[in-house]
PDB file of N, CA and C in Angstrom:
ATOM      1  N   MET A   1       2.096  -1.544  12.945  1.00  0.00           N
ATOM      2  CA  MET A   1       1.737  -2.193  11.707  1.00  0.00           C
ATOM      3  C   MET A   1       2.057  -1.258  10.549  1.00  0.00           C
ATOM      4  N   LYS A   2       2.605  -1.798   9.455  1.00  0.00           N
ATOM      5  CA  LYS A   2       2.956  -0.995   8.281  1.00  0.00           C
ATOM      6  C   LYS A   2       1.882  -1.140   7.207  1.00  0.00           C
ATOM      7  N   PHE A   3       1.664  -0.042   6.497  1.00  0.00           N
ATOM      8  CA  PHE A   3       0.687  -0.014   5.421  1.00  0.00           C
ATOM      9  C   PHE A   3       1.330   0.589   4.180  1.00  0.00           C
ATOM     10  N   PRO A   4       0.913   0.151   2.994  1.00  0.00           N
ATOM     11  CA  PRO A   4       1.441   0.734   1.759  1.00  0.00           C
ATOM     12  C   PRO A   4       1.171   2.235   1.702  1.00  0.00           C
ATOM     13  N   ASN A   5       2.036   2.937   0.988  1.00  0.00           N
ATOM     14  CA  ASN A   5       1.939   4.394   0.884  1.00  0.00           C
ATOM     15  C   ASN A   5       1.081   4.784  -0.323  1.00  0.00           C
ATOM     16  N   ASP A   6      -0.198   4.461  -0.246  1.00  0.00           N
ATOM     17  CA  ASP A   6      -1.163   4.896  -1.254  1.00  0.00           C
ATOM     18  C   ASP A   6      -2.476   5.196  -0.537  1.00  0.00           C
ATOM     19  N   SER A   7      -3.495   5.583  -1.282  1.00  0.00           N
ATOM     20  CA  SER A   7      -4.744   5.999  -0.636  1.00  0.00           C
ATOM     21  C   SER A   7      -5.391   4.856   0.144  1.00  0.00           C
ATOM     22  N   ASP A   8      -5.346   3.629  -0.374  1.00  0.00           N
ATOM     23  CA  ASP A   8      -5.927   2.499   0.350  1.00  0.00           C
ATOM     24  C   ASP A   8      -5.150   2.229   1.640  1.00  0.00           C
ATOM     25  N   GLY A   9      -3.830   2.282   1.552  1.00  0.00           N
ATOM     26  CA  GLY A   9      -2.998   2.091   2.736  1.00  0.00           C
ATOM     27  C   GLY A   9      -3.243   3.163   3.781  1.00  0.00           C
ATOM     28  N   GLN A  10      -3.452   4.397   3.326  1.00  0.00           N
ATOM     29  CA  GLN A  10      -3.704   5.501   4.255  1.00  0.00           C
ATOM     30  C   GLN A  10      -5.013   5.303   5.010  1.00  0.00           C
ATOM     31  N   VAL A  11      -6.045   4.828   4.309  1.00  0.00           N
ATOM     32  CA  VAL A  11      -7.330   4.573   4.966  1.00  0.00           C
ATOM     33  C   VAL A  11      -7.168   3.461   6.001  1.00  0.00           C
ATOM     34  N   LEU A  12      -6.480   2.394   5.631  1.00  0.00           N
ATOM     35  CA  LEU A  12      -6.256   1.298   6.575  1.00  0.00           C
ATOM     36  C   LEU A  12      -5.458   1.772   7.789  1.00  0.00           C
ATOM     37  N   LYS A  13      -4.462   2.589   7.561  1.00  0.00           N
ATOM     38  CA  LYS A  13      -3.660   3.125   8.668  1.00  0.00           C
ATOM     39  C   LYS A  13      -4.521   3.960   9.605  1.00  0.00           C
ATOM     40  N   MET A  14      -5.379   4.801   9.047  1.00  0.00           N
ATOM     41  CA  MET A  14      -6.275   5.621   9.855  1.00  0.00           C
ATOM     42  C   MET A  14      -7.204   4.742  10.700  1.00  0.00           C
ATOM     43  N   LEU A  15      -7.769   3.715  10.068  1.00  0.00           N
ATOM     44  CA  LEU A  15      -8.658   2.804  10.796  1.00  0.00           C
ATOM     45  C   LEU A  15      -7.895   2.100  11.922  1.00  0.00           C
ATOM     46  N   TYR A  16      -6.705   1.640  11.633  1.00  0.00           N
ATOM     47  CA  TYR A  16      -5.879   0.961  12.635  1.00  0.00           C
ATOM     48  C   TYR A  16      -5.572   1.902  13.804  1.00  0.00           C
ATOM     49  N   ASN A  17      -5.183   3.134  13.468  1.00  0.00           N
ATOM     50  CA  ASN A  17      -4.866   4.120  14.512  1.00  0.00           C
ATOM     51  C   ASN A  17      -6.083   4.515  15.332  1.00  0.00           C
ATOM     52  N   ASN A  18      -7.275   4.330  14.752  1.00  0.00           N
ATOM     53  CA  ASN A  18      -8.519   4.625  15.473  1.00  0.00           C
ATOM     54  C   ASN A  18      -9.020   3.431  16.273  1.00  0.00           C
ATOM     55  N   GLY A  19      -8.223   2.359  16.313  1.00  0.00           N
ATOM     56  CA  GLY A  19      -8.549   1.230  17.167  1.00  0.00           C
ATOM     57  C   GLY A  19      -9.390   0.138  16.552  1.00  0.00           C
ATOM     58  N   VAL A  20      -9.564   0.151  15.228  1.00  0.00           N
ATOM     59  CA  VAL A  20     -10.331  -0.908  14.583  1.00  0.00           C
ATOM     60  C   VAL A  20      -9.527  -2.206  14.666  1.00  0.00           C
ATOM     61  N   ASP A  21     -10.194  -3.279  15.071  1.00  0.00           N
ATOM     62  CA  ASP A  21      -9.562  -4.594  15.199  1.00  0.00           C
ATOM     63  C   ASP A  21      -9.556  -5.278  13.837  1.00  0.00           C
ATOM     64  N   PHE A  22      -8.381  -5.457  13.268  1.00  0.00           N
ATOM     65  CA  PHE A  22      -8.252  -6.047  11.938  1.00  0.00           C
ATOM     66  C   PHE A  22      -8.428  -7.565  11.951  1.00  0.00           C
ATOM     67  N   ASN A  23      -8.650  -8.150  13.096  1.00  0.00           N
ATOM     68  CA  ASN A  23      -8.858  -9.594  13.211  1.00  0.00           C
ATOM     69  C   ASN A  23     -10.330  -9.977  13.210  1.00  0.00           C
ATOM     70  N   ILE A  24     -11.204  -8.973  13.137  1.00  0.00           N
ATOM     71  CA  ILE A  24     -12.647  -9.200  13.149  1.00  0.00           C
ATOM     72  C   ILE A  24     -13.236  -8.695  11.834  1.00  0.00           C
ATOM     73  N   PRO A  25     -14.013  -9.524  11.139  1.00  0.00           N
ATOM     74  CA  PRO A  25     -14.634  -9.057   9.887  1.00  0.00           C
ATOM     75  C   PRO A  25     -15.550  -7.851  10.138  1.00  0.00           C
ATOM     76  N   VAL A  26     -15.491  -6.900   9.212  1.00  0.00           N
ATOM     77  CA  VAL A  26     -16.342  -5.705   9.269  1.00  0.00           C
ATOM     78  C   VAL A  26     -17.041  -5.546   7.926  1.00  0.00           C
ATOM     79  N   LEU A  27     -18.084  -4.747   7.912  1.00  0.00           N
ATOM     80  CA  LEU A  27     -18.792  -4.452   6.675  1.00  0.00           C
ATOM     81  C   LEU A  27     -18.022  -3.363   5.925  1.00  0.00           C
ATOM     82  N   VAL A  28     -17.571  -3.685   4.726  1.00  0.00           N
ATOM     83  CA  VAL A  28     -16.838  -2.737   3.889  1.00  0.00           C
ATOM     84  C   VAL A  28     -17.741  -2.350   2.731  1.00  0.00           C
ATOM     85  N   ASP A  29     -17.867  -1.049   2.504  1.00  0.00           N
ATOM     86  CA  ASP A  29     -18.689  -0.512   1.427  1.00  0.00           C
ATOM     87  C   ASP A  29     -17.793  -0.083   0.271  1.00  0.00           C
ATOM     88  N   PHE A  30     -18.112  -0.561  -0.923  1.00  0.00           N
ATOM     89  CA  PHE A  30     -17.398  -0.195  -2.140  1.00  0.00           C
ATOM     90  C   PHE A  30     -18.357   0.596  -3.025  1.00  0.00           C
ATOM     91  N   GLN A  31     -17.881   1.702  -3.585  1.00  0.00           N
ATOM     92  CA  GLN A  31     -18.701   2.517  -4.470  1.00  0.00           C
ATOM     93  C   GLN A  31     -18.274   2.270  -5.913  1.00  0.00           C
ATOM     94  N   VAL A  32     -19.265   2.168  -6.783  1.00  0.00           N
ATOM     95  CA  VAL A  32     -19.028   1.967  -8.208  1.00  0.00           C
ATOM     96  C   VAL A  32     -19.780   3.055  -8.963  1.00  0.00           C
ATOM     97  N   SER A  33     -19.044   3.911  -9.657  1.00  0.00           N
ATOM     98  CA  SER A  33     -19.696   4.922 -10.493  1.00  0.00           C
ATOM     99  C   SER A  33     -20.220   4.243 -11.741  1.00  0.00           C
ATOM    100  N   VAL A  34     -21.451   4.575 -12.093  1.00  0.00           N
ATOM    101  CA  VAL A  34     -22.071   3.999 -13.288  1.00  0.00           C
ATOM    102  C   VAL A  34     -22.657   5.125 -14.128  1.00  0.00           C
ATOM    103  N   PRO A  35     -22.718   4.922 -15.454  1.00  0.00           N
ATOM    104  CA  PRO A  35     -23.147   6.020 -16.332  1.00  0.00           C
ATOM    105  C   PRO A  35     -24.643   6.295 -16.347  1.00  0.00           C
ATOM    106  N   ASN A  36     -25.444   5.273 -15.990  1.00  0.00           N
ATOM    107  CA  ASN A  36     -26.894   5.470 -16.078  1.00  0.00           C
ATOM    108  C   ASN A  36     -27.615   4.419 -15.244  1.00  0.00           C
ATOM    109  N   LYS A  37     -28.907   4.611 -15.091  1.00  0.00           N
ATOM    110  CA  LYS A  37     -29.729   3.718 -14.269  1.00  0.00           C
ATOM    111  C   LYS A  37     -29.740   2.295 -14.829  1.00  0.00           C
ATOM    112  N   GLU A  38     -29.897   2.163 -16.128  1.00  0.00           N
ATOM    113  CA  GLU A  38     -29.996   0.834 -16.744  1.00  0.00           C
ATOM    114  C   GLU A  38     -28.738  -0.003 -16.461  1.00  0.00           C
ATOM    115  N   ASN A  39     -27.572   0.562 -16.699  1.00  0.00           N
ATOM    116  CA  ASN A  39     -26.337  -0.184 -16.447  1.00  0.00           C
ATOM    117  C   ASN A  39     -26.126  -0.408 -14.955  1.00  0.00           C
ATOM    118  N   GLY A  40     -26.542   0.541 -14.146  1.00  0.00           N
ATOM    119  CA  GLY A  40     -26.455   0.382 -12.695  1.00  0.00           C
ATOM    120  C   GLY A  40     -27.295  -0.783 -12.207  1.00  0.00           C
ATOM    121  N   GLU A  41     -28.498  -0.918 -12.745  1.00  0.00           N
ATOM    122  CA  GLU A  41     -29.366  -2.032 -12.358  1.00  0.00           C
ATOM    123  C   GLU A  41     -28.755  -3.374 -12.768  1.00  0.00           C
ATOM    124  N   LYS A  42     -28.108  -3.407 -13.927  1.00  0.00           N
ATOM    125  CA  LYS A  42     -27.427  -4.630 -14.358  1.00  0.00           C
ATOM    126  C   LYS A  42     -26.291  -4.980 -13.398  1.00  0.00           C
ATOM    127  N   LEU A  43     -25.553  -3.965 -12.976  1.00  0.00           N
ATOM    128  CA  LEU A  43     -24.445  -4.213 -12.047  1.00  0.00           C
ATOM    129  C   LEU A  43     -24.949  -4.659 -10.680  1.00  0.00           C
ATOM    130  N   VAL A  44     -26.048  -4.097 -10.217  1.00  0.00           N
ATOM    131  CA  VAL A  44     -26.627  -4.537  -8.952  1.00  0.00           C
ATOM    132  C   VAL A  44     -26.946  -6.030  -9.028  1.00  0.00           C
ATOM    133  N   GLU A  45     -27.531  -6.450 -10.123  1.00  0.00           N
ATOM    134  CA  GLU A  45     -27.860  -7.873 -10.276  1.00  0.00           C
ATOM    135  C   GLU A  45     -26.593  -8.728 -10.326  1.00  0.00           C
ATOM    136  N   LEU A  46     -25.612  -8.307 -11.122  1.00  0.00           N
ATOM    137  CA  LEU A  46     -24.371  -9.067 -11.236  1.00  0.00           C
ATOM    138  C   LEU A  46     -23.661  -9.206  -9.889  1.00  0.00           C
ATOM    139  N   PHE A  47     -23.522  -8.094  -9.174  1.00  0.00           N
ATOM    140  CA  PHE A  47     -22.798  -8.135  -7.905  1.00  0.00           C
ATOM    141  C   PHE A  47     -23.599  -8.839  -6.810  1.00  0.00           C
ATOM    142  N   SER A  48     -24.910  -8.740  -6.855  1.00  0.00           N
ATOM    143  CA  SER A  48     -25.738  -9.484  -5.900  1.00  0.00           C
ATOM    144  C   SER A  48     -25.515 -10.980  -6.071  1.00  0.00           C
ATOM    145  N   ASN A  49     -25.397 -11.421  -7.311  1.00  0.00           N
ATOM    146  CA  ASN A  49     -25.135 -12.830  -7.585  1.00  0.00           C
ATOM    147  C   ASN A  49     -23.729 -13.255  -7.170  1.00  0.00           C
ATOM    148  N   GLU A  50     -22.844 -12.292  -6.947  1.00  0.00           N
ATOM    149  CA  GLU A  50     -21.469 -12.574  -6.524  1.00  0.00           C
ATOM    150  C   GLU A  50     -21.292 -12.449  -5.008  1.00  0.00           C
ATOM    151  N   GLY A  51     -22.399 -12.317  -4.276  1.00  0.00           N
ATOM    152  CA  GLY A  51     -22.328 -12.309  -2.819  1.00  0.00           C
ATOM    153  C   GLY A  51     -22.225 -10.950  -2.166  1.00  0.00           C
ATOM    154  N   PHE A  52     -22.334  -9.886  -2.932  1.00  0.00           N
ATOM    155  CA  PHE A  52     -22.336  -8.540  -2.366  1.00  0.00           C
ATOM    156  C   PHE A  52     -23.766  -8.128  -2.058  1.00  0.00           C
ATOM    157  N   LYS A  53     -23.931  -7.329  -1.028  1.00  0.00           N
ATOM    158  CA  LYS A  53     -25.181  -6.608  -0.846  1.00  0.00           C
ATOM    159  C   LYS A  53     -25.043  -5.413  -1.779  1.00  0.00           C
ATOM    160  N   ALA A  54     -25.983  -5.235  -2.696  1.00  0.00           N
ATOM    161  CA  ALA A  54     -25.834  -4.205  -3.718  1.00  0.00           C
ATOM    162  C   ALA A  54     -27.114  -3.392  -3.868  1.00  0.00           C
ATOM    163  N   GLU A  55     -26.941  -2.092  -4.050  1.00  0.00           N
ATOM    164  CA  GLU A  55     -28.078  -1.209  -4.326  1.00  0.00           C
ATOM    165  C   GLU A  55     -27.617  -0.054  -5.195  1.00  0.00           C
ATOM    166  N   LEU A  56     -28.548   0.510  -5.926  1.00  0.00           N
ATOM    167  CA  LEU A  56     -28.275   1.623  -6.822  1.00  0.00           C
ATOM    168  C   LEU A  56     -28.815   2.903  -6.206  1.00  0.00           C
ATOM    169  N   ASN A  57     -28.002   3.943  -6.235  1.00  0.00           N
ATOM    170  CA  ASN A  57     -28.404   5.241  -5.694  1.00  0.00           C
ATOM    171  C   ASN A  57     -28.163   6.332  -6.724  1.00  0.00           C
ATOM    172  N   TYR A  58     -29.009   7.360  -6.666  1.00  0.00           N
ATOM    173  CA  TYR A  58     -28.865   8.517  -7.550  1.00  0.00           C
ATOM    174  C   TYR A  58     -28.641   9.756  -6.699  1.00  0.00           C
ATOM    175  N   ASP A  59     -27.622  10.531  -7.047  1.00  0.00           N
ATOM    176  CA  ASP A  59     -27.314  11.778  -6.351  1.00  0.00           C
ATOM    177  C   ASP A  59     -27.894  12.933  -7.169  1.00  0.00           C
ATOM    178  N   ASP A  60     -28.974  13.538  -6.661  1.00  0.00           N
ATOM    179  CA  ASP A  60     -29.640  14.633  -7.375  1.00  0.00           C
ATOM    180  C   ASP A  60     -28.726  15.839  -7.566  1.00  0.00           C
ATOM    181  N   GLU A  61     -27.911  16.125  -6.567  1.00  0.00           N
ATOM    182  CA  GLU A  61     -27.058  17.308  -6.624  1.00  0.00           C
ATOM    183  C   GLU A  61     -26.034  17.207  -7.759  1.00  0.00           C
ATOM    184  N   PHE A  62     -25.397  16.051  -7.880  1.00  0.00           N
ATOM    185  CA  PHE A  62     -24.363  15.866  -8.898  1.00  0.00           C
ATOM    186  C   PHE A  62     -24.861  15.131 -10.139  1.00  0.00           C
ATOM    187  N   GLU A  63     -26.135  14.684 -10.094  1.00  0.00           N
ATOM    188  CA  GLU A  63     -26.752  13.952 -11.193  1.00  0.00           C
ATOM    189  C   GLU A  63     -25.895  12.762 -11.598  1.00  0.00           C
ATOM    190  N   GLU A  64     -25.543  11.921 -10.581  1.00  0.00           N
ATOM    191  CA  GLU A  64     -24.692  10.758 -10.801  1.00  0.00           C
ATOM    192  C   GLU A  64     -25.317   9.513 -10.196  1.00  0.00           C
ATOM    193  N   TRP A  65     -25.099   8.390 -10.871  1.00  0.00           N
ATOM    194  CA  TRP A  65     -25.535   7.095 -10.377  1.00  0.00           C
ATOM    195  C   TRP A  65     -24.359   6.394  -9.714  1.00  0.00           C
ATOM    196  N   THR A  66     -24.634   5.746  -8.584  1.00  0.00           N
ATOM    197  CA  THR A  66     -23.612   4.980  -7.876  1.00  0.00           C
ATOM    198  C   THR A  66     -24.201   3.655  -7.433  1.00  0.00           C
ATOM    199  N   CYS A  67     -23.467   2.601  -7.716  1.00  0.00           N
ATOM    200  CA  CYS A  67     -23.824   1.282  -7.230  1.00  0.00           C
ATOM    201  C   CYS A  67     -23.054   1.086  -5.919  1.00  0.00           C
ATOM    202  N   GLU A  68     -23.770   0.900  -4.846  1.00  0.00           N
ATOM    203  CA  GLU A  68     -23.161   0.704  -3.529  1.00  0.00           C
ATOM    204  C   GLU A  68     -23.095  -0.792  -3.247  1.00  0.00           C
ATOM    205  N   LEU A  69     -21.890  -1.279  -3.003  1.00  0.00           N
ATOM    206  CA  LEU A  69     -21.678  -2.698  -2.710  1.00  0.00           C
ATOM    207  C   LEU A  69     -21.182  -2.841  -1.282  1.00  0.00           C
ATOM    208  N   ALA A  70     -21.640  -3.855  -0.592  1.00  0.00           N
ATOM    209  CA  ALA A  70     -21.187  -4.098   0.777  1.00  0.00           C
ATOM    210  C   ALA A  70     -20.795  -5.564   0.909  1.00  0.00           C
ATOM    211  N   LYS A  71     -19.707  -5.786   1.641  1.00  0.00           N
ATOM    212  CA  LYS A  71     -19.216  -7.139   1.861  1.00  0.00           C
ATOM    213  C   LYS A  71     -18.588  -7.201   3.247  1.00  0.00           C
ATOM    214  N   ARG A  72     -18.938  -8.219   4.013  1.00  0.00           N
ATOM    215  CA  ARG A  72     -18.327  -8.421   5.321  1.00  0.00           C
ATOM    216  C   ARG A  72     -17.017  -9.158   5.097  1.00  0.00           C
ATOM    217  N   MET A  73     -15.931  -8.580   5.619  1.00  0.00           N
ATOM    218  CA  MET A  73     -14.608  -9.130   5.359  1.00  0.00           C
ATOM    219  C   MET A  73     -13.599  -8.613   6.370  1.00  0.00           C
ATOM    220  N   LEU A  74     -12.451  -9.268   6.407  1.00  0.00           N
ATOM    221  CA  LEU A  74     -11.337  -8.757   7.191  1.00  0.00           C
ATOM    222  C   LEU A  74     -10.725  -7.585   6.436  1.00  0.00           C
ATOM    223  N   LEU A  75     -10.228  -6.620   7.173  1.00  0.00           N
ATOM    224  CA  LEU A  75      -9.558  -5.489   6.543  1.00  0.00           C
ATOM    225  C   LEU A  75      -8.138  -5.923   6.177  1.00  0.00           C
ATOM    226  N   ASP A  76      -7.959  -6.203   4.908  1.00  0.00           N
ATOM    227  CA  ASP A  76      -6.686  -6.673   4.389  1.00  0.00           C
ATOM    228  C   ASP A  76      -6.387  -5.903   3.110  1.00  0.00           C
ATOM    229  N   TYR A  77      -5.232  -5.264   3.070  1.00  0.00           N
ATOM    230  CA  TYR A  77      -4.880  -4.414   1.937  1.00  0.00           C
ATOM    231  C   TYR A  77      -5.024  -5.145   0.605  1.00  0.00           C
ATOM    232  N   GLN A  78      -4.373  -6.300   0.477  1.00  0.00           N
ATOM    233  CA  GLN A  78      -4.378  -6.989  -0.810  1.00  0.00           C
ATOM    234  C   GLN A  78      -5.779  -7.430  -1.214  1.00  0.00           C
ATOM    235  N   GLU A  79      -6.589  -7.843  -0.244  1.00  0.00           N
ATOM    236  CA  GLU A  79      -7.959  -8.249  -0.561  1.00  0.00           C
ATOM    237  C   GLU A  79      -8.789  -7.048  -1.041  1.00  0.00           C
ATOM    238  N   ILE A  80      -8.581  -5.902  -0.442  1.00  0.00           N
ATOM    239  CA  ILE A  80      -9.289  -4.688  -0.876  1.00  0.00           C
ATOM    240  C   ILE A  80      -8.884  -4.318  -2.300  1.00  0.00           C
ATOM    241  N   ILE A  81      -7.585  -4.410  -2.600  1.00  0.00           N
ATOM    242  CA  ILE A  81      -7.105  -4.141  -3.960  1.00  0.00           C
ATOM    243  C   ILE A  81      -7.716  -5.141  -4.939  1.00  0.00           C
ATOM    244  N   ASN A  82      -7.717  -6.422  -4.549  1.00  0.00           N
ATOM    245  CA  ASN A  82      -8.275  -7.459  -5.418  1.00  0.00           C
ATOM    246  C   ASN A  82      -9.748  -7.211  -5.708  1.00  0.00           C
ATOM    247  N   ILE A  83     -10.500  -6.829  -4.693  1.00  0.00           N
ATOM    248  CA  ILE A  83     -11.933  -6.571  -4.885  1.00  0.00           C
ATOM    249  C   ILE A  83     -12.142  -5.365  -5.797  1.00  0.00           C
ATOM    250  N   GLN A  84     -11.372  -4.307  -5.603  1.00  0.00           N
ATOM    251  CA  GLN A  84     -11.510  -3.136  -6.474  1.00  0.00           C
ATOM    252  C   GLN A  84     -11.171  -3.487  -7.928  1.00  0.00           C
ATOM    253  N   ASN A  85     -10.145  -4.309  -8.125  1.00  0.00           N
ATOM    254  CA  ASN A  85      -9.798  -4.742  -9.485  1.00  0.00           C
ATOM    255  C   ASN A  85     -10.921  -5.588 -10.077  1.00  0.00           C
ATOM    256  N   TYR A  86     -11.506  -6.451  -9.258  1.00  0.00           N
ATOM    257  CA  TYR A  86     -12.619  -7.280  -9.698  1.00  0.00           C
ATOM    258  C   TYR A  86     -13.830  -6.417 -10.054  1.00  0.00           C
ATOM    259  N   ILE A  87     -14.104  -5.418  -9.225  1.00  0.00           N
ATOM    260  CA  ILE A  87     -15.201  -4.486  -9.503  1.00  0.00           C
ATOM    261  C   ILE A  87     -14.978  -3.813 -10.854  1.00  0.00           C
ATOM    262  N   ASP A  88     -13.749  -3.364 -11.108  1.00  0.00           N
ATOM    263  CA  ASP A  88     -13.446  -2.731 -12.394  1.00  0.00           C
ATOM    264  C   ASP A  88     -13.651  -3.702 -13.547  1.00  0.00           C
ATOM    265  N   GLU A  89     -13.192  -4.924 -13.383  1.00  0.00           N
ATOM    266  CA  GLU A  89     -13.312  -5.934 -14.435  1.00  0.00           C
ATOM    267  C   GLU A  89     -14.779  -6.175 -14.814  1.00  0.00           C
ATOM    268  N   ILE A  90     -15.639  -6.260 -13.809  1.00  0.00           N
ATOM    269  CA  ILE A  90     -17.063  -6.503 -14.047  1.00  0.00           C
ATOM    270  C   ILE A  90     -17.770  -5.237 -14.553  1.00  0.00           C
ATOM    271  N   SER A  91     -17.365  -4.075 -14.036  1.00  0.00           N
ATOM    272  CA  SER A  91     -18.075  -2.817 -14.315  1.00  0.00           C
ATOM    273  C   SER A  91     -17.703  -2.152 -15.631  1.00  0.00           C
ATOM    274  N   GLU A  92     -16.445  -2.283 -16.036  1.00  0.00           N
ATOM    275  CA  GLU A  92     -15.977  -1.547 -17.212  1.00  0.00           C
ATOM    276  C   GLU A  92     -16.804  -1.806 -18.474  1.00  0.00           C
ATOM    277  N   PRO A  93     -17.207  -3.055 -18.771  1.00  0.00           N
ATOM    278  CA  PRO A  93     -18.022  -3.255 -19.976  1.00  0.00           C
ATOM    279  C   PRO A  93     -19.352  -2.486 -19.958  1.00  0.00           C
ATOM    280  N   LEU A  94     -19.800  -2.109 -18.754  1.00  0.00           N
ATOM    281  CA  LEU A  94     -21.048  -1.352 -18.631  1.00  0.00           C
ATOM    282  C   LEU A  94     -20.786   0.125 -18.332  1.00  0.00           C
ATOM    283  N   GLY A  95     -19.539   0.562 -18.516  1.00  0.00           N
ATOM    284  CA  GLY A  95     -19.195   1.967 -18.328  1.00  0.00           C
ATOM    285  C   GLY A  95     -18.973   2.365 -16.885  1.00  0.00           C
ATOM    286  N   GLY A  96     -18.831   1.407 -15.987  1.00  0.00           N
ATOM    287  CA  GLY A  96     -18.631   1.705 -14.572  1.00  0.00           C
ATOM    288  C   GLY A  96     -17.182   1.545 -14.143  1.00  0.00           C
ATOM    289  N   TYR A  97     -16.902   2.009 -12.941  1.00  0.00           N
ATOM    290  CA  TYR A  97     -15.561   1.856 -12.384  1.00  0.00           C
ATOM    291  C   TYR A  97     -15.618   1.989 -10.862  1.00  0.00           C
ATOM    292  N   SER A  98     -14.666   1.337 -10.212  1.00  0.00           N
ATOM    293  CA  SER A  98     -14.552   1.407  -8.758  1.00  0.00           C
ATOM    294  C   SER A  98     -14.225   2.837  -8.363  1.00  0.00           C
ATOM    295  N   ASP A  99     -14.961   3.358  -7.381  1.00  0.00           N
ATOM    296  CA  ASP A  99     -14.793   4.759  -7.004  1.00  0.00           C
ATOM    297  C   ASP A  99     -14.632   4.916  -5.494  1.00  0.00           C
ATOM    298  N   GLY A 100     -13.882   3.981  -4.891  1.00  0.00           N
ATOM    299  CA  GLY A 100     -13.560   4.113  -3.482  1.00  0.00           C
ATOM    300  C   GLY A 100     -14.253   3.091  -2.599  1.00  0.00           C
ATOM    301  N   TRP A 101     -13.847   3.107  -1.346  1.00  0.00           N
ATOM    302  CA  TRP A 101     -14.399   2.186  -0.358  1.00  0.00           C
ATOM    303  C   TRP A 101     -14.278   2.831   1.023  1.00  0.00           C
ATOM    304  N   GLY A 102     -14.978   2.235   1.962  1.00  0.00           N
ATOM    305  CA  GLY A 102     -14.904   2.721   3.329  1.00  0.00           C
ATOM    306  C   GLY A 102     -15.596   1.762   4.274  1.00  0.00           C
ATOM    307  N   THR A 103     -15.392   2.003   5.545  1.00  0.00           N
ATOM    308  CA  THR A 103     -16.036   1.211   6.590  1.00  0.00           C
ATOM    309  C   THR A 103     -16.135   2.041   7.843  1.00  0.00           C
ATOM    310  N   PHE A 104     -17.083   1.696   8.674  1.00  0.00           N
ATOM    311  CA  PHE A 104     -17.189   2.319   9.988  1.00  0.00           C
ATOM    312  C   PHE A 104     -16.436   1.486  11.009  1.00  0.00           C
ATOM    313  N   GLY A 105     -15.912   0.331  10.580  1.00  0.00           N
ATOM    314  CA  GLY A 105     -15.127  -0.501  11.450  1.00  0.00           C
ATOM    315  C   GLY A 105     -15.898  -1.264  12.496  1.00  0.00           C
ATOM    316  N   GLU A 106     -17.164  -0.949  12.649  1.00  0.00           N
ATOM    317  CA  GLU A 106     -18.074  -1.609  13.587  1.00  0.00           C
ATOM    318  C   GLU A 106     -17.373  -1.904  14.880  1.00  0.00           C
TER     319      GLU A 106
END
């Protein structure tokens, strides 16, 4: 199977090489960096209403807020790109941005 030569493609390639079945939906976690608790809470509400499991976390070491989003889906490059673009579209007005994704492949 071929994957695009970018960071998202590399992650998908690694998962594929590790035996993850791309024909079975898995839980994919998307991270959204947010500037503060207030905007993070707004994003949790917005994304929860859009069908994501969403929660806000604070990293004491780096003093950063992150909105963690989870969605069960097939591992598909274009869909992952589309979701990250959608996350940016929703998050940018509140100072947030998509900051990566991952899965355990279940």
